[in-house]
């Protein structure tokens, strides 16, 4: 089992910084053997959105909102590496409500 913990640049960061981060993350994932389970976790500063068209095996339909740039980057990273965004597969209870 390989566990990769990371903190991604915020969505409003410079594109070059985000490119460097995701390139480095991809190189780390590639170092993991294909037969081992990979768990990628951290703060990715993303919204993957509810529309999972083209990503049905990666993103579930249990996420509100629309996909942002970082969400698109993570969706592509997961698709390329055959990873699933686990927090989107099952419905979540709404425990935080604003007034």
Protein backbone atom coordinates (compact mmCIF):
# COMPACT_ATOMS: atom_id res chain seq x y z
CA UNK A 1 0.00 0.00 0.00
CA UNK A 2 1.25 3.48 -0.87
CA UNK A 3 -0.13 6.51 0.96
CA UNK A 4 0.60 9.93 -0.54
CA UNK A 5 -0.31 12.95 1.60
CA UNK A 6 -0.14 16.41 0.04
CA UNK A 7 -1.34 19.99 0.14
CA UNK A 8 -2.11 21.50 -3.27
CA UNK A 9 -1.84 25.17 -4.22
CA UNK A 10 -5.12 27.08 -3.97
CA UNK A 11 -7.27 27.48 -7.08
CA UNK A 12 -6.23 31.13 -7.48
CA UNK A 13 -2.48 30.40 -7.43
CA UNK A 14 -0.27 30.99 -10.46
CA UNK A 15 -0.74 28.35 -13.19
CA UNK A 16 3.01 27.58 -13.26
CA UNK A 17 3.00 26.75 -9.54
CA UNK A 18 0.01 24.45 -10.00
CA UNK A 19 1.62 22.80 -13.04
CA UNK A 20 4.79 22.14 -11.03
CA UNK A 21 2.79 20.66 -8.15
CA UNK A 22 0.76 18.28 -10.34
CA UNK A 23 3.82 17.27 -12.40
CA UNK A 24 5.67 16.40 -9.21
CA UNK A 25 2.64 14.54 -7.83
CA UNK A 26 2.41 12.54 -11.06
CA UNK A 27 6.10 11.60 -10.80
CA UNK A 28 5.54 10.40 -7.22
CA UNK A 29 2.53 8.31 -8.26
CA UNK A 30 4.57 6.76 -11.08
CA UNK A 31 7.17 5.56 -8.55
CA UNK A 32 4.52 3.37 -6.88
CA UNK A 33 4.32 -0.17 -8.15
CA UNK A 34 1.22 -0.83 -10.24
CA UNK A 35 0.11 -3.83 -8.17
CA UNK A 36 0.06 -1.92 -4.87
CA UNK A 37 -2.96 0.01 -3.62
CA UNK A 38 -2.51 3.78 -3.87
CA UNK A 39 -4.20 6.17 -1.43
CA UNK A 40 -3.87 9.81 -2.39
CA UNK A 41 -5.09 12.18 0.30
CA UNK A 42 -4.73 15.75 1.37
CA UNK A 43 -6.10 19.22 0.85
CA UNK A 44 -6.45 19.65 -2.90
CA UNK A 45 -8.44 22.89 -2.73
CA UNK A 46 -10.89 21.52 -5.28
CA UNK A 47 -14.50 21.35 -6.23
CA UNK A 48 -15.05 18.45 -8.63
CA UNK A 49 -18.70 19.36 -9.16
CA UNK A 50 -21.75 17.23 -9.75
CA UNK A 51 -21.29 16.75 -13.51
CA UNK A 52 -19.23 13.59 -13.86
CA UNK A 53 -19.65 13.21 -17.62
CA UNK A 54 -16.55 11.48 -18.95
CA UNK A 55 -15.41 10.69 -15.41
CA UNK A 56 -18.14 8.26 -14.33
CA UNK A 57 -15.63 5.74 -12.94
CA UNK A 58 -13.67 8.41 -11.05
CA UNK A 59 -16.22 10.91 -9.71
CA UNK A 60 -19.57 10.06 -8.12
CA UNK A 61 -22.62 12.32 -8.29
CA UNK A 62 -22.72 13.32 -4.65
CA UNK A 63 -20.88 16.65 -4.79
CA UNK A 64 -22.60 20.02 -5.09
CA UNK A 65 -21.39 22.90 -7.21
CA UNK A 66 -19.35 23.19 -10.36
CA UNK A 67 -15.85 21.95 -11.11
CA UNK A 68 -13.07 24.50 -10.70
CA UNK A 69 -9.60 24.46 -12.33
CA UNK A 70 -8.05 22.41 -9.53
CA UNK A 71 -11.01 20.03 -9.67
CA UNK A 72 -10.35 19.50 -13.37
CA UNK A 73 -6.67 18.86 -12.68
CA UNK A 74 -7.43 16.27 -9.99
CA UNK A 75 -10.09 14.59 -12.16
CA UNK A 76 -7.56 14.27 -15.00
CA UNK A 77 -4.84 13.02 -12.62
CA UNK A 78 -7.21 10.39 -11.22
CA UNK A 79 -8.39 9.34 -14.68
CA UNK A 80 -4.82 8.94 -15.93
CA UNK A 81 -3.81 6.89 -12.87
CA UNK A 82 -7.08 4.93 -12.50
CA UNK A 83 -7.87 6.45 -9.09
CA UNK A 84 -11.31 7.21 -7.64
CA UNK A 85 -12.32 10.34 -5.72
CA UNK A 86 -13.85 8.47 -2.79
CA UNK A 87 -15.68 11.36 -1.14
CA UNK A 88 -17.93 11.71 -4.18
CA UNK A 89 -19.22 8.14 -4.37
CA UNK A 90 -21.59 8.08 -1.40
CA UNK A 91 -24.09 10.70 -0.19
CA UNK A 92 -22.84 12.92 2.63
CA UNK A 93 -24.96 14.17 5.51
CA UNK A 94 -25.35 17.93 5.54
CA UNK A 95 -24.13 18.75 9.06
CA UNK A 96 -22.97 22.30 8.37
CA UNK A 97 -25.82 24.66 7.66
CA UNK A 98 -25.58 28.39 7.16
CA UNK A 99 -28.30 30.76 8.22
